[in-house]
């Protein structure tokens, strides 16, 4: 049975002008308990709980009714579920056999081969690969393989600045448990690479044969053959972190090959750790989930199975979910609503006081050309059914990951039309903007209450879903988005005056968040700038769209709708986090804490002051001339 998502009475003991977030959400925060297997619980999780009820019913049906004589989605999902419940010792033996294969690493070409193998199976290592659709200078949309800086074992480079003894002891302990040679030197190698992790990277396109010239000591041939790409010289790739590739070349001379072998073994172990028998999965929980995030309990088998299905067989699950539970009318209503936000975004740009006339014209074209992908794709990506071993979960994870990479390789450098096919599952509660093709994606999961509902007021829908849409559209003009034009081509189209004023207005926002604290820790205003710009500009876009809709309302009804707008926005960010999770997010997350995403944003709007009667003396009061706007 679906759980009703409740909006408790607002806390009248708190003045909305002193802490609007708590005025709206305090009673909910006091009532709600974070599930033991999570470290954070928000509106997104509330919606996901109800979506999960639908997904669990699909999984149950697949498990009970899969027919091994048929080669279909139900059989695939059903067999995968069975493997998730099978003996974990089989997965342990599978891992040990894979580790044994790494003992052959002797040369730099061998390093390239193993790197390719790990990337092919989506195991975090010194390189990360993924497929994107991007526009070329000829205005063609082609699939490009991106090679980016690696993903290390700890969640942020900050952690490598502290004492690593506990992390190193984990390495040693795992070595003993698995009865393999000590792999603790991998921590030294990770620590070296962590110094060069960069939040901002700029990529370039290279033909395969250009890679051989530009990075001559990187083992490209063995890497790509292992990854699954023959004749890589004829393809075009995006190197997203050029200096990282140079660093890898340098590291081959600085560290012995044995250290790389140890690191690759550690990569494989960490990847497999949650799926292994005791004491391995408990070690994973205690170190990564409990110590870093504050999670109080290991995830249940039922929820782990669903999580695995979402991650490794998302396309079949998304198709079955869409066929059984989603109605076309939802997509139709949302599309009409989103178009009103697009129109408002155009008006926001046209009335902007600091963008130059030429830049405004191009910015308007960028919004007009933005591809809106709503609910679910017109055409799902090609999906090849893999052979699933009912008795070996880890083998299936390897199989499904490599099958996904193989599908990506089949698309490599081929043309496609943006907005027709996309991989984001329909059941996800999130939204995305992709600079490279100027595309906005909002899966069906985000189109439900309390973001959006048939029985909600206009103000409520615009403060919820409207602000989400506005947020993603404004990303097209944040510090990254402004580097791409209306076609998604990276080029300089802002004038120097635009950049000058942008920096002035951005600095105000950076200072505002730098001066804000959570648990006596300052927010990083630089790191969170893009998201803060999107929050502020997105709410402004949604507000202006609402005001157009209610311009003929009488004063009383207009006030009600505007109140609903801000109340809905505050509810959309309500989140209860374990303290450890909050502190980790301050280090790793490019988003500001939810309370500040509300309080530091709503008090920039004159309308908020008017409809909630906010006065001088209230803690959130800002003098009108000091209120910030970027867009």
Foldseek 3Di string as FASTA:
>chain_A
DQDDDDQDQFDPVDACLFFVLNRRCVVVLVPDDDPLADQKDAVQVSLLVRVVVVLLVLLVCLLVDADPVDQDLSVLSNLLLLQLVFAQVQQLVVLLVVLVVLVPDDDLLSLLLLLLLCQLLVQFDQWHKDWDFFADPVLFTAIAIEIEGTCDDDQALVVLVDDCPVVLVVQQVVCVVSVHPRLSLLSVVSNVSRVVDDPDWAKDKDALVVCCVLLVQRNVQSNCVSNPDDPSNHFIHIYGHSVSSVVVSVVPVVDDSVNSSSNSSVSSLLVCQCSHDPPRVVVNCVPPPCPQFVRRDHDDSSVVSVVCCCVQVQLSSLVVCCVPPNDVVLQVVVVVVLVLLLVLLLVCLVPDDQADPQLNVQLNLLSVLAAEQEAAAQDEQDDDRDDRDSHHNNVVSSRSSSSVSVSSSVRGGPTDDPRHYDDDGLLRQAKAADLRANYIYGHVSVSDPPCHDPPDDLLSVLLRVQLRSQLRSCLCPFPPNCQATSRSDGDHDGDPSLVVVLVVLLVLQQVLQQPDDDPNDGARSVLQSSSLLSLQRSLVSSVVSSCVVCVVPPPVVVLVSNVSSLSSNSSNLDMDRDPSNQVSCSRNPSHDRSSCSRLVRPLLDPSSCVSSVNDPPHNSHDPNVSRGHSD
